[in-house]
Structures are given as C-alpha cells and as structure tokens.
C-alpha cells in the first residue's frame, strides 16, 4: 500500500459523506440549501415514519410466524375428561334491550348436562332492560333451565366488576363468558371444555364471526380488521408459544386461574387483556381454537365503531402502562417480551400519525427541491413497510378464511385504510388519556340485533353523541384535500394515493357520523310529532 494512501477510517468517512450528500444534497443544484429549520422538520418526520414502519414490519413477522406454525392449531382436544366439570356461563349486560332475547335463546340451547351448568345473567342495566330481562329469566327458570338473574344498582368496576361479583356465587370450575350480542352455537361447550383436561390450561378462546358482516361497507371493513386479528395474530402467537389475549367473550376461563392471577381488575378498560397477561406471567397456558366460531354483531354506525375502537385503544395502552415493566423484568424468552411490546403498544401509532399529518405539508414543501432519486430512496422502503404490509396482512387473512371468495378483499383495502384514518382523532385522545392516567367510564357499544337486514332504527336512546369530533375530522379532510392539490401542482404523484386515503378517511368518518345523527334525530322528531297528534285526537 502506498505510504500516502488514506487510512481505512478516512475512506469510510469519505464514502459516508458522499452517500449523505447524494441522499440529502444540501445545495439542490443551487436552488435551495437545507437550513436548521428544514432539518427540524425532516428529522422528526422521518423518525416517526421509521417507528410506524416497525409496526408494519411486525405484520410481516406475524405472517411468517403464522405460516410456520399454523399446523399446530388444534381442532380437537388432545385428551378428554372422564367426568365433565361444572361450568358457569356469565352473561354481562348493560342496557341491552335489543339483543337480550337472542342471547338467552342461544345460551339456553347449549348442550351440556343441566346438573353441571349454571347460567348467570349479570345485569347492570339502568333502563327497561332490567325488568324485561328479569321477567325473561324467570320464564326460562320456570321451564327448568339453571339460570339466575343478578342486578346491581351501581356499575362499580363496569364489566370487570360485574364478572368479579358473579364469581362470588358461581358454582363452576370453568367460567364461559358471552357478551350481549353473541350467539354461541349449541355444541360450544362440547367442543371446548375438554381442552381443560390439561391442568395447565387457563383459557380457551374461540373465533368471532359476524351476523351482519355484509350490512354495509363499514361492517365489511370491520370484519376484515377483526379477521386479521383472529386468523393471523392469534394463530401466530399461540402457535409460537407467545402470549396472546382472551378477547373478553366467546371463551372459557378456569376459575382457579382467575383467582391465581388476582381476579378481575377494573383499572383498565380492557379487563380481558389485563387478566390475560397477568395469568400468563403466572405460567398459565392459553389455547386458541379458531375452528369454533361464535356469531356476534358488528357496529354498523360510524361513531359506534369509533367508540368501540377507542375503548380498546385506551384499554390496551393502559395494560401496557401497567404491565410492560413486569413483563420485561420477568424470566421470559426475549422473543416473548418483544412480541408483548408490539401487541400492547400499536395504538401509539395514532398520536404519531397526527404529528405526521401536521408535518406533512411543510415537509412536502422542503422535499419539493429534492431529486427523484432521493425521494424514492426514502419513500419506497416506507411504502413497503407500511402500505404493502397492511394490504398483504389482511388479504392473506381473508384468503385463509374464505379461500373461494377472498379476492373481493383486495378492493376493500382502500376502505380499510380509510377507516383506520377515521380512527386517528378519537384514538389519539384515548391513548393520551391512558398515558396520562385519566380515568373514564366504560363506553358500551350499542347493538340492535339487526343481523344482515337493513333496518331503520326507531329508538335512538342508545346512541352516543359525537360532539366536536366529526367537525374536526371534516376540517382535517379539507386540509388533506389542499395537500393533495399541492402534490399535484408539484408533480409529487407518488404521495397522492396516500393523501387521498386521508381525505376519504376523514370525510367518511365526519360526514357519515353527522348524517347518521341527523337521520336519527329526524326520525325521533317525526315519531314525537305523531305521538302528540295521536294524543290530541283521543
């Protein structure tokens, strides 16, 4: 080597400098030079996109783990009880007048020895659901069903409090739980109870299905989102011996496990995930049985869907705040800890998306002067990590579940992304409330037993008012419409499809919410006027 050859470190430094200059050419052909303000925009913008991309890359890992282990998913119990154990079925209710009939009809058809079965209706209702359900339970009891009615005069602890209160009089070794809109099949217990013949099993979770999947575009999108969770996520986590959660309904828990894990606690809005992680930290095994599906109802109104998702987002973030440190300190495999982090923290993406939204226009102005090579070098990996991961993830879930009709899901992906955008504002608030320890009440999701029928609801009392939310969503949709026009003016066509998803998502959420509330108010006014006219004629 010549004596005047530069040292290796200097060569590496020179190569790095050249790469950085090519990536961020600060001169931009003499037109513009990046200053400190430009970097103040670019660095947080791409840092946040990098964090969001990690969650996108995690979807690829879930897909890989699913294909690696899907053969491990059980269809039949590996062993069976010589004598069946007593089972208590708990049915937590709160103002569920529309669905309580179908719930009790389904549960009383479950095939299991009656002397080993106890059905608890745990009703916290404050409206006519209370006397109606009490009378309905009495009629079933007269027909010989082992059913009991429990009514609390307060909602202390919400659903978790009701379940914990029910345990005081529960006679079952196993506790099956069904939310008010679920309709378990008659052979539900026959196909699940024997998994508990293994003394280490604490939970058996089954898959959700949907009676109103094709009710409207929103319910189709919701079903796709939940299918991704129940087909890919649950199977991948169970099949690879990772922690996964009981979903709060359509499952069975061992009473001993509930007590060993510290019982139902109500300091989070997702008491099911909270108990799941506490139990698995204690060494209990969870079993997932997707071959058993339990029909339920999806929210078919925009704001009802948003309220449900924000409750889950806040609750899961509360569980992360409560349990991530104990999980990371526990004697667990590193992979289990990493998966728990990804499982419990995905909703942090909503406030991060809001920050990205605020930075998008000024960053686009700065990047206008960057060459196509620099833009592609940054954007293509981010697109692969985010956009394509969502597409592949949910399309694969549909192909696995519906091998003959999955192709329709490809055309629903833009709507799925738009629905996700429509959750940004309400879920950001939920996540921030969780992080700052702000406690709120358990907001129920109204259910109406519509099945697949198109109906006009005549009673709007279960609807929650959206307040300021739709107006902010419409304002953000307008902002992104302006950003889209700027992208067209600057020939930034690569960003246009993503910007239009934001436009569609915010407009869809805001306008549909206001329209549904207007329609409900209009029907209520017409009915009130009709009642007054009828009364005047008497």
Protein backbone atom coordinates (compact mmCIF):
# COMPACT_ATOMS: atom_id res chain seq x y z
CA UNK A 1 0.00 0.00 0.00
CA UNK A 2 1.45 3.45 -0.85
CA UNK A 3 2.56 5.48 2.14
CA UNK A 4 0.28 8.36 1.19
CA UNK A 5 -2.88 6.18 0.93
CA UNK A 6 -5.66 7.40 3.22
CA UNK A 7 -6.37 5.26 6.27
CA UNK A 8 -9.41 2.91 6.11
CA UNK A 9 -11.38 5.06 8.53
CA UNK A 10 -10.88 8.10 6.33
CA UNK A 11 -12.03 6.13 3.27
CA UNK A 12 -15.13 5.01 5.13
CA UNK A 13 -15.81 8.54 6.28
CA UNK A 14 -15.39 9.87 2.77
CA UNK A 15 -17.77 7.25 1.36
CA UNK A 16 -20.33 8.05 4.06
CA UNK A 17 -20.10 11.76 3.31
CA UNK A 18 -20.63 11.13 -0.38
CA UNK A 19 -23.66 8.94 0.33
CA UNK A 20 -25.20 11.56 2.64
CA UNK A 21 -24.57 14.28 0.08
CA UNK A 22 -26.31 12.19 -2.56
CA UNK A 23 -29.19 11.45 -0.20
CA UNK A 24 -29.63 14.98 1.13
CA UNK A 25 -27.96 17.24 -1.38
CA UNK A 26 -27.90 20.45 0.63
CA UNK A 27 -27.31 22.58 -2.42
CA UNK A 28 -30.11 21.20 -4.62
CA UNK A 29 -28.41 22.50 -7.75
CA UNK A 30 -28.04 25.93 -6.24
CA UNK A 31 -31.78 26.39 -5.82
CA UNK A 32 -32.17 25.72 -2.11
CA UNK A 33 -29.97 24.85 0.81
CA UNK A 34 -31.27 22.98 3.83
CA UNK A 35 -31.06 25.06 7.00
CA UNK A 36 -31.71 24.18 10.63
CA UNK A 37 -35.47 24.70 10.25
CA UNK A 38 -35.66 22.22 7.37
CA UNK A 39 -33.83 19.62 9.42
CA UNK A 40 -36.15 20.33 12.36
CA UNK A 41 -38.98 19.19 10.08
CA UNK A 42 -37.29 16.33 8.27
CA UNK A 43 -35.70 14.57 11.24
CA UNK A 44 -38.87 14.12 13.39
CA UNK A 45 -40.95 13.39 10.27
CA UNK A 46 -38.80 10.51 9.08
CA UNK A 47 -38.09 9.34 12.63
CA UNK A 48 -41.82 8.93 13.27
CA UNK A 49 -42.31 7.23 9.90
CA UNK A 50 -39.49 4.88 10.89
CA UNK A 51 -41.28 3.97 14.13
CA UNK A 52 -44.54 3.42 12.27
CA UNK A 53 -42.68 1.24 9.78
CA UNK A 54 -41.58 -1.03 12.63
CA UNK A 55 -45.22 -1.90 13.27
CA UNK A 56 -45.59 -2.54 9.55
CA UNK A 57 -42.60 -4.85 9.55
CA UNK A 58 -44.12 -6.61 12.55
CA UNK A 59 -47.09 -7.55 10.38
CA UNK A 60 -44.71 -9.38 8.06
CA UNK A 61 -43.30 -11.21 11.08
CA UNK A 62 -46.83 -12.23 12.14
CA UNK A 63 -47.45 -13.61 8.65
CA UNK A 64 -44.20 -15.56 8.75
CA UNK A 65 -44.97 -16.91 12.22
CA UNK A 66 -48.47 -17.90 11.10
CA UNK A 67 -47.27 -19.96 8.15
CA UNK A 68 -44.57 -21.52 10.30
CA UNK A 69 -46.97 -22.74 12.98
CA UNK A 70 -50.49 -22.96 11.58
CA UNK A 71 -50.28 -26.78 11.66
CA UNK A 72 -50.12 -26.55 15.45
CA UNK A 73 -53.59 -25.01 15.77
CA UNK A 74 -55.85 -27.63 17.43
CA UNK A 75 -59.25 -28.70 16.18
CA UNK A 76 -59.90 -31.35 18.81
CA UNK A 77 -58.79 -31.62 22.46
CA UNK A 78 -55.73 -33.89 22.83
CA UNK A 79 -57.36 -35.54 25.87
CA UNK A 80 -60.81 -35.64 27.44
CA UNK A 81 -62.36 -35.58 30.89
CA UNK A 82 -63.52 -38.86 32.34
CA UNK A 83 -66.11 -36.78 34.22
CA UNK A 84 -67.21 -33.39 32.90
CA UNK A 85 -66.57 -30.39 35.22
CA UNK A 86 -69.28 -27.95 36.33
CA UNK A 87 -69.49 -24.84 34.15
CA UNK A 88 -70.84 -21.38 34.90
CA UNK A 89 -71.89 -19.21 31.95
CA UNK A 90 -71.70 -15.50 32.72
CA UNK A 91 -73.67 -13.01 30.61
CA UNK A 92 -72.71 -9.40 31.49
CA UNK A 93 -75.36 -6.88 30.35
CA UNK A 94 -75.82 -3.13 30.38
CA UNK A 95 -78.88 -1.66 28.65
CA UNK A 96 -79.08 -4.41 26.03
CA UNK A 97 -82.82 -4.48 25.37
CA UNK A 98 -82.47 -5.23 21.66
CA UNK A 99 -80.22 -8.29 21.91
CA UNK A 100 -81.03 -9.95 25.22
CA UNK A 101 -83.71 -12.21 23.71
CA UNK A 102 -81.40 -13.79 21.14
CA UNK A 103 -78.62 -14.07 23.72
CA UNK A 104 -80.71 -16.07 26.19
CA UNK A 105 -82.27 -18.16 23.44
CA UNK A 106 -78.80 -19.16 22.19
CA UNK A 107 -77.30 -19.82 25.62
CA UNK A 108 -80.21 -21.97 26.80
CA UNK A 109 -79.73 -24.17 23.73
CA UNK A 110 -76.14 -25.01 24.68
CA UNK A 111 -75.77 -28.77 25.08
CA UNK A 112 -74.39 -29.67 28.49
CA UNK A 113 -75.69 -31.69 31.47
CA UNK A 114 -78.04 -29.37 33.32
CA UNK A 115 -76.90 -30.50 36.75
CA UNK A 116 -73.39 -29.32 35.81
CA UNK A 117 -74.48 -26.00 34.32
CA UNK A 118 -75.17 -22.61 35.85
CA UNK A 119 -76.19 -19.54 33.82
CA UNK A 120 -75.67 -16.14 35.45
CA UNK A 121 -77.26 -13.06 33.90
CA UNK A 122 -75.22 -10.19 35.33
CA UNK A 123 -77.32 -7.14 34.58
CA UNK A 124 -76.17 -3.60 35.38
CA UNK A 125 -78.93 -2.03 33.28
CA UNK A 126 -80.49 1.29 34.22
CA UNK A 127 -83.36 1.23 31.70
CA UNK A 128 -86.25 -1.13 30.88
CA UNK A 129 -83.74 -3.87 30.09
CA UNK A 130 -83.69 -4.60 33.84
CA UNK A 131 -87.37 -5.55 34.42
CA UNK A 132 -87.69 -7.07 30.95
CA UNK A 133 -84.66 -9.34 31.40
CA UNK A 134 -85.62 -10.26 34.96
CA UNK A 135 -89.03 -11.44 33.74
CA UNK A 136 -87.46 -13.26 30.79
CA UNK A 137 -85.04 -15.10 33.08
CA UNK A 138 -87.92 -16.06 35.36
CA UNK A 139 -89.75 -17.66 32.43
CA UNK A 140 -86.67 -19.67 31.45
CA UNK A 141 -86.22 -20.77 35.06
CA UNK A 142 -89.82 -21.97 35.20
CA UNK A 143 -89.04 -24.14 32.16
CA UNK A 144 -86.27 -25.85 34.13
CA UNK A 145 -83.18 -24.02 32.92
CA UNK A 146 -80.43 -23.46 35.54
CA UNK A 147 -80.46 -19.70 35.08
CA UNK A 148 -80.11 -16.89 37.64
CA UNK A 149 -80.65 -13.14 37.46
CA UNK A 150 -78.30 -10.73 39.26
CA UNK A 151 -78.89 -7.00 39.12
CA UNK A 152 -76.50 -4.41 40.53
CA UNK A 153 -77.70 -0.93 41.44
CA UNK A 154 -74.31 0.54 40.56
CA UNK A 155 -71.75 -0.05 37.81
CA UNK A 156 -68.75 -0.25 40.11
CA UNK A 157 -65.91 -1.70 38.07
CA UNK A 158 -68.15 -1.87 34.98
CA UNK A 159 -67.92 -5.24 33.21
CA UNK A 160 -64.94 -6.39 35.31
CA UNK A 161 -66.85 -5.55 38.48
CA UNK A 162 -69.91 -7.47 37.33
CA UNK A 163 -67.84 -10.56 36.45
CA UNK A 164 -65.99 -10.44 39.77
CA UNK A 165 -69.27 -10.06 41.65
CA UNK A 166 -70.70 -13.05 39.78
CA UNK A 167 -67.78 -15.23 40.86
CA UNK A 168 -68.97 -14.96 44.48
CA UNK A 169 -71.93 -17.21 43.70
CA UNK A 170 -70.54 -19.10 40.72
CA UNK A 171 -70.55 -22.89 41.11
CA UNK A 172 -68.49 -23.79 38.04
CA UNK A 173 -64.84 -24.77 37.87
CA UNK A 174 -64.89 -23.26 34.39
CA UNK A 175 -66.37 -19.86 33.52
CA UNK A 176 -67.70 -19.25 29.99
CA UNK A 177 -68.36 -15.60 29.10
CA UNK A 178 -70.53 -14.19 26.33
CA UNK A 179 -71.22 -10.52 25.64
CA UNK A 180 -74.79 -9.49 24.95
CA UNK A 181 -74.62 -9.60 21.13
CA UNK A 182 -73.07 -13.08 20.92
CA UNK A 183 -74.96 -16.22 19.96
CA UNK A 184 -72.90 -19.30 20.90
CA UNK A 185 -73.64 -22.48 18.92
CA UNK A 186 -75.32 -25.37 20.77
CA UNK A 187 -72.14 -27.51 20.72
CA UNK A 188 -69.91 -24.71 22.05
CA UNK A 189 -69.10 -26.41 25.37
CA UNK A 190 -68.85 -29.88 23.84
CA UNK A 191 -66.07 -28.68 21.54
CA UNK A 192 -64.11 -26.62 24.07
CA UNK A 193 -64.45 -27.93 27.64
CA UNK A 194 -62.17 -30.95 27.19
CA UNK A 195 -59.16 -28.74 26.46
CA UNK A 196 -59.18 -28.06 30.21
CA UNK A 197 -58.38 -31.73 30.88
CA UNK A 198 -54.82 -30.38 30.71
CA UNK A 199 -54.42 -28.80 34.16
CA UNK A 200 -52.05 -26.12 32.83
CA UNK A 201 -54.68 -24.62 30.51
CA UNK A 202 -56.26 -21.47 31.89
CA UNK A 203 -58.18 -20.11 28.88
CA UNK A 204 -59.75 -21.44 25.70
CA UNK A 205 -60.56 -18.68 23.21
CA UNK A 206 -62.72 -19.23 20.13
CA UNK A 207 -63.06 -17.17 16.95
CA UNK A 208 -65.64 -14.44 16.40
CA UNK A 209 -67.90 -14.47 13.34
CA UNK A 210 -70.44 -11.83 12.33
CA UNK A 211 -74.16 -11.96 11.58
CA UNK A 212 -74.14 -8.56 9.84
CA UNK A 213 -70.81 -8.77 8.01
CA UNK A 214 -72.34 -7.57 4.72
CA UNK A 215 -74.69 -4.98 6.25
CA UNK A 216 -72.71 -2.05 4.79
CA UNK A 217 -69.19 -1.08 3.77
CA UNK A 218 -68.20 -0.27 7.33
CA UNK A 219 -69.17 -3.70 8.68
CA UNK A 220 -67.25 -5.41 5.85
CA UNK A 221 -64.16 -3.43 6.77
CA UNK A 222 -64.60 -4.12 10.50
CA UNK A 223 -64.90 -7.84 9.78
CA UNK A 224 -61.66 -7.76 7.78
CA UNK A 225 -59.82 -6.00 10.60
CA UNK A 226 -61.02 -8.49 13.20
CA UNK A 227 -60.34 -11.45 10.89
CA UNK A 228 -56.73 -10.33 10.69
CA UNK A 229 -56.58 -10.44 14.47
CA UNK A 230 -58.34 -13.79 14.88
CA UNK A 231 -56.77 -15.61 11.93
CA UNK A 232 -53.20 -14.34 11.75
CA UNK A 233 -52.33 -12.74 15.09
CA UNK A 234 -53.94 -15.26 17.43
CA UNK A 235 -52.75 -18.26 15.41
CA UNK A 236 -49.20 -16.91 15.09
CA UNK A 237 -48.91 -16.12 18.80
CA UNK A 238 -50.48 -19.35 20.01
CA UNK A 239 -48.58 -21.49 17.53
CA UNK A 240 -45.24 -19.98 18.56
CA UNK A 241 -45.84 -20.15 22.34
CA UNK A 242 -46.16 -16.38 22.67
CA UNK A 243 -48.57 -14.50 24.92
CA UNK A 244 -51.98 -13.75 23.45
CA UNK A 245 -55.15 -12.39 25.00
CA UNK A 246 -58.57 -13.63 25.95
CA UNK A 247 -60.96 -11.38 24.00
CA UNK A 248 -63.46 -10.85 26.79
CA UNK A 249 -66.16 -13.03 25.24
CA UNK A 250 -66.70 -16.28 23.33
CA UNK A 251 -64.21 -18.07 25.56
CA UNK A 252 -63.84 -20.13 28.72
CA UNK A 253 -61.63 -19.42 31.72
CA UNK A 254 -60.56 -21.69 34.56
CA UNK A 255 -61.81 -20.18 37.80
CA UNK A 256 -58.62 -21.19 39.59
CA UNK A 257 -56.63 -19.23 37.01
CA UNK A 258 -58.72 -16.09 37.52
CA UNK A 259 -58.14 -16.24 41.25
CA UNK A 260 -54.45 -17.08 40.94
CA UNK A 261 -53.88 -14.09 38.62
CA UNK A 262 -55.51 -11.67 41.05
CA UNK A 263 -59.11 -11.70 39.83
CA UNK A 264 -60.92 -9.30 37.55
CA UNK A 265 -59.48 -5.80 37.98
CA UNK A 266 -61.08 -2.63 36.67
CA UNK A 267 -58.19 -0.17 36.47
CA UNK A 268 -58.10 -0.64 32.68
CA UNK A 269 -60.87 -0.62 30.07
CA UNK A 270 -59.69 -3.95 28.65
CA UNK A 271 -60.00 -6.14 31.70
CA UNK A 272 -59.67 -9.19 29.44
CA UNK A 273 -56.17 -8.30 28.18
CA UNK A 274 -55.12 -7.25 31.67
CA UNK A 275 -56.13 -10.60 33.18
CA UNK A 276 -54.62 -12.47 30.21
CA UNK A 277 -51.15 -11.07 30.72
CA UNK A 278 -51.25 -11.41 34.50
CA UNK A 279 -52.29 -15.05 34.13
CA UNK A 280 -49.65 -15.90 31.53
CA UNK A 281 -46.99 -14.25 33.70
CA UNK A 282 -48.09 -16.78 36.33
CA UNK A 283 -47.42 -19.61 33.89
CA UNK A 284 -50.94 -20.45 32.72
CA UNK A 285 -51.37 -21.69 29.14
CA UNK A 286 -53.90 -20.24 26.72
CA UNK A 287 -55.40 -22.30 23.88
CA UNK A 288 -56.87 -20.87 20.70
CA UNK A 289 -59.48 -22.86 18.77
CA UNK A 290 -60.43 -20.99 15.56
CA UNK A 291 -62.43 -23.96 14.25
CA UNK A 292 -65.14 -22.99 16.76
CA UNK A 293 -66.73 -19.68 15.77
CA UNK A 294 -69.23 -17.66 17.74
CA UNK A 295 -71.58 -15.29 15.83
CA UNK A 296 -71.82 -11.68 17.01
CA UNK A 297 -72.88 -8.26 15.75
CA UNK A 298 -70.58 -5.54 14.41
CA UNK A 299 -71.30 -1.83 14.98
CA UNK A 300 -72.82 -0.55 11.76
CA UNK A 301 -72.78 3.17 12.59
CA UNK A 302 -69.56 5.15 12.30
CA UNK A 303 -69.48 6.69 15.76
CA UNK A 304 -70.40 3.40 17.43
CA UNK A 305 -67.42 1.81 15.69
CA UNK A 306 -65.16 4.69 16.76
CA UNK A 307 -66.27 4.45 20.39
CA UNK A 308 -65.60 0.71 20.45
CA UNK A 309 -62.15 1.09 18.91
CA UNK A 310 -61.18 3.97 21.19
CA UNK A 311 -62.17 1.92 24.25
CA UNK A 312 -59.94 -0.92 23.04
CA UNK A 313 -57.12 1.50 22.19
CA UNK A 314 -57.23 3.14 25.60
CA UNK A 315 -57.58 -0.14 27.46
CA UNK A 316 -54.67 -1.81 25.69
CA UNK A 317 -52.47 1.23 26.30
CA UNK A 318 -53.46 1.14 29.98
CA UNK A 319 -52.44 -2.52 30.13
CA UNK A 320 -49.09 -1.61 28.53
CA UNK A 321 -48.58 1.13 31.11
CA UNK A 322 -49.50 -1.27 33.91
CA UNK A 323 -47.74 -4.47 32.88
CA UNK A 324 -44.94 -3.82 30.35
CA UNK A 325 -42.30 -3.31 33.04
CA UNK A 326 -43.21 -6.56 34.89
CA UNK A 327 -43.25 -8.36 31.53
CA UNK A 328 -39.79 -7.05 30.57
CA UNK A 329 -38.42 -7.95 34.01
CA UNK A 330 -39.95 -11.44 34.00
CA UNK A 331 -37.96 -14.58 33.29
CA UNK A 332 -39.32 -14.96 29.77
CA UNK A 333 -37.73 -15.58 26.36
CA UNK A 334 -36.67 -12.38 24.61
CA UNK A 335 -38.99 -13.11 21.71
CA UNK A 336 -41.98 -13.30 24.08
CA UNK A 337 -41.09 -9.92 25.54
CA UNK A 338 -40.66 -8.29 22.13
CA UNK A 339 -43.98 -9.65 20.92
CA UNK A 340 -45.69 -8.39 24.07
CA UNK A 341 -44.34 -4.90 23.37
CA UNK A 342 -45.70 -4.94 19.82
CA UNK A 343 -49.01 -6.42 20.99
CA UNK A 344 -49.66 -3.87 23.72
CA UNK A 345 -48.36 -0.67 22.09
CA UNK A 346 -49.66 -0.48 18.48
CA UNK A 347 -52.12 2.28 19.31
CA UNK A 348 -49.26 4.69 19.91
CA UNK A 349 -49.30 4.95 16.10
CA UNK A 350 -52.40 7.17 16.28
CA UNK A 351 -50.82 10.19 18.01
CA UNK A 352 -47.72 9.65 15.88
CA UNK A 353 -49.89 9.73 12.75
CA UNK A 354 -51.39 13.01 13.95
CA UNK A 355 -47.91 14.52 14.25
CA UNK A 356 -47.02 13.23 10.78
CA UNK A 357 -50.21 14.82 9.47
CA UNK A 358 -49.22 18.20 10.91
CA UNK A 359 -45.72 17.95 9.40
CA UNK A 360 -46.77 16.61 6.01
CA UNK A 361 -47.35 19.88 4.14
CA UNK A 362 -44.20 21.73 5.29
CA UNK A 363 -42.13 18.59 4.69
CA UNK A 364 -43.59 18.30 1.18
CA UNK A 365 -42.57 21.91 0.52
CA UNK A 366 -39.00 21.17 1.67
CA UNK A 367 -38.85 17.93 -0.29
CA UNK A 368 -40.07 19.61 -3.46
CA UNK A 369 -36.45 20.55 -4.11
CA UNK A 370 -35.14 17.03 -3.59
CA UNK A 371 -34.49 14.90 -6.64
CA UNK A 372 -36.49 11.80 -7.58
CA UNK A 373 -33.65 9.52 -6.54
CA UNK A 374 -33.58 10.89 -3.01
CA UNK A 375 -37.36 10.71 -2.69
CA UNK A 376 -37.55 7.13 -3.95
CA UNK A 377 -34.69 6.03 -1.73
CA UNK A 378 -36.63 7.21 1.33
CA UNK A 379 -40.21 6.59 0.29
CA UNK A 380 -40.11 3.13 -1.27
CA UNK A 381 -38.90 1.33 1.89
CA UNK A 382 -41.54 3.17 3.92
CA UNK A 383 -44.25 2.21 1.44
CA UNK A 384 -43.17 -1.43 1.56
CA UNK A 385 -43.12 -1.40 5.36
CA UNK A 386 -46.48 0.33 5.81
CA UNK A 387 -48.86 0.27 2.85
CA UNK A 388 -47.91 -3.12 1.48
CA UNK A 389 -47.78 -4.73 4.91
CA UNK A 390 -51.41 -3.72 5.55
CA UNK A 391 -52.51 -4.96 2.14
CA UNK A 392 -50.74 -8.30 2.37
CA UNK A 393 -51.71 -8.88 6.00
CA UNK A 394 -55.46 -8.50 5.58
CA UNK A 395 -55.68 -10.12 2.15
CA UNK A 396 -53.86 -13.22 3.44
CA UNK A 397 -56.24 -13.40 6.41
CA UNK A 398 -59.21 -13.35 4.02
CA UNK A 399 -57.63 -15.96 1.76
CA UNK A 400 -57.08 -18.28 4.72
CA UNK A 401 -60.64 -17.84 5.99
CA UNK A 402 -62.50 -17.63 2.67
CA UNK A 403 -60.46 -19.47 0.03
CA UNK A 404 -63.21 -19.17 -2.58
CA UNK A 405 -64.18 -15.51 -2.20
CA UNK A 406 -61.10 -13.77 -0.80
CA UNK A 407 -60.32 -11.73 -3.93
CA UNK A 408 -63.05 -9.23 -3.10
CA UNK A 409 -60.98 -8.18 -0.10
CA UNK A 410 -58.32 -6.66 -2.40
CA UNK A 411 -60.80 -4.00 -3.49
CA UNK A 412 -61.76 -3.27 0.12
CA UNK A 413 -58.22 -2.42 1.23
CA UNK A 414 -58.53 1.34 0.43
CA UNK A 415 -61.74 1.45 2.50
CA UNK A 416 -59.99 -0.43 5.32
CA UNK A 417 -57.17 2.13 5.31
CA UNK A 418 -59.65 4.99 5.21
CA UNK A 419 -61.49 3.53 8.21
CA UNK A 420 -58.17 3.39 10.06
CA UNK A 421 -57.58 7.06 9.25
CA UNK A 422 -61.05 7.84 10.58
CA UNK A 423 -59.99 6.49 13.99
CA UNK A 424 -56.98 8.78 14.31
CA UNK A 425 -58.53 11.63 16.31
CA UNK A 426 -60.64 9.62 18.76
CA UNK A 427 -57.92 7.01 19.32
CA UNK A 428 -55.27 9.68 19.83
CA UNK A 429 -57.37 11.12 22.63
CA UNK A 430 -57.85 7.63 24.08
CA UNK A 431 -54.12 6.85 24.02
CA UNK A 432 -53.16 10.19 25.60
CA UNK A 433 -55.76 9.68 28.34
CA UNK A 434 -54.24 6.26 29.04
CA UNK A 435 -50.68 7.57 29.11
CA UNK A 436 -51.58 10.42 31.48
CA UNK A 437 -53.68 8.20 33.75
CA UNK A 438 -57.03 9.87 33.00
CA UNK A 439 -59.84 7.50 34.00
CA UNK A 440 -63.10 7.41 32.04
CA UNK A 441 -66.21 5.25 32.19
CA UNK A 442 -66.71 2.08 30.17
CA UNK A 443 -68.48 3.23 26.99
CA UNK A 444 -70.69 0.42 25.73
CA UNK A 445 -71.13 -0.29 22.04
CA UNK A 446 -74.85 -0.20 21.09
CA UNK A 447 -76.14 -3.39 19.46
CA UNK A 448 -79.52 -3.78 17.79
CA UNK A 449 -79.81 -7.43 16.63
CA UNK A 450 -80.08 -6.35 13.02
CA UNK A 451 -78.39 -9.43 11.58
CA UNK A 452 -77.93 -8.88 7.85
CA UNK A 453 -81.18 -6.90 7.49
CA UNK A 454 -81.30 -3.24 6.53
CA UNK A 455 -83.41 -1.59 9.21
CA UNK A 456 -84.34 1.91 10.29
CA UNK A 457 -83.94 2.25 14.00
CA UNK A 458 -86.85 3.91 15.73
CA UNK A 459 -85.11 4.29 19.09
CA UNK A 460 -82.02 6.46 19.34
CA UNK A 461 -81.51 6.42 23.10
CA UNK A 462 -78.53 4.04 22.96
CA UNK A 463 -76.64 6.27 20.55
CA UNK A 464 -73.84 8.36 21.98
CA UNK A 465 -73.46 11.92 20.74
CA UNK A 466 -70.27 12.57 18.80
CA UNK A 467 -69.88 16.21 19.84
CA UNK A 468 -66.97 18.06 18.22
CA UNK A 469 -65.30 15.01 16.69
CA UNK A 470 -66.89 14.94 13.19
CA UNK A 471 -66.20 18.65 12.64
CA UNK A 472 -62.50 18.18 13.36
CA UNK A 473 -62.47 15.17 11.02
CA UNK A 474 -64.07 17.20 8.21
CA UNK A 475 -61.55 20.00 8.80
CA UNK A 476 -58.66 17.53 8.55
CA UNK A 477 -60.18 16.04 5.39
CA UNK A 478 -60.23 19.52 3.88
CA UNK A 479 -56.62 20.09 4.92
CA UNK A 480 -55.52 16.88 3.20
CA UNK A 481 -57.52 17.84 0.13
CA UNK A 482 -55.42 21.02 -0.03
CA UNK A 483 -52.24 19.00 0.49
CA UNK A 484 -53.32 16.69 -2.34
CA UNK A 485 -53.74 19.65 -4.68
CA UNK A 486 -50.26 20.83 -3.73
CA UNK A 487 -48.88 17.36 -4.50
CA UNK A 488 -50.44 17.56 -7.97
CA UNK A 489 -49.03 21.05 -8.55
CA UNK A 490 -45.52 19.87 -7.60
CA UNK A 491 -45.79 16.60 -9.57
CA UNK A 492 -45.46 14.55 -6.37
CA UNK A 493 -47.75 11.84 -7.68
CA UNK A 494 -46.13 9.16 -5.51
CA UNK A 495 -47.69 10.72 -2.40
CA UNK A 496 -51.11 11.29 -3.97
CA UNK A 497 -52.72 7.86 -3.31
CA UNK A 498 -51.82 8.07 0.39
CA UNK A 499 -53.09 11.64 0.69
CA UNK A 500 -56.40 10.69 -0.93
CA UNK A 501 -56.82 7.87 1.62
CA UNK A 502 -56.53 10.54 4.34
CA UNK A 503 -59.07 12.73 2.54
CA UNK A 504 -61.51 9.84 2.16
CA UNK A 505 -60.99 8.57 5.72
CA UNK A 506 -61.60 11.88 7.48
CA UNK A 507 -64.52 12.87 5.25
CA UNK A 508 -66.10 9.43 5.59
CA UNK A 509 -65.85 9.50 9.38
CA UNK A 510 -67.05 13.07 9.84
CA UNK A 511 -69.82 13.28 7.24
CA UNK A 512 -71.28 9.81 7.89
CA UNK A 513 -71.43 10.47 11.64
CA UNK A 514 -73.27 13.76 11.18
CA UNK A 515 -75.64 12.21 8.63
CA UNK A 516 -76.47 9.24 10.86
CA UNK A 517 -77.10 11.52 13.83
CA UNK A 518 -79.29 13.81 11.71
CA UNK A 519 -81.33 10.85 10.43
CA UNK A 520 -81.80 9.56 13.97
CA UNK A 521 -82.86 12.96 15.25
CA UNK A 522 -85.25 13.43 12.31
CA UNK A 523 -86.93 10.06 12.92
CA UNK A 524 -87.23 10.85 16.64
CA UNK A 525 -88.86 14.21 15.89
CA UNK A 526 -91.33 12.60 13.47
CA UNK A 527 -92.27 9.95 16.00
CA UNK A 528 -92.74 12.55 18.74
CA UNK A 529 -94.96 14.63 16.47
CA UNK A 530 -97.01 11.55 15.58
CA UNK A 531 -97.42 10.69 19.27
CA UNK A 532 -98.60 14.24 20.03
CA UNK A 533 -101.08 14.19 17.13
CA UNK A 534 -102.42 10.80 18.23
CA UNK A 535 -102.81 12.03 21.81
CA UNK A 536 -104.67 15.15 20.61
CA UNK A 537 -107.19 13.02 18.71
CA UNK A 538 -108.06 10.95 21.77
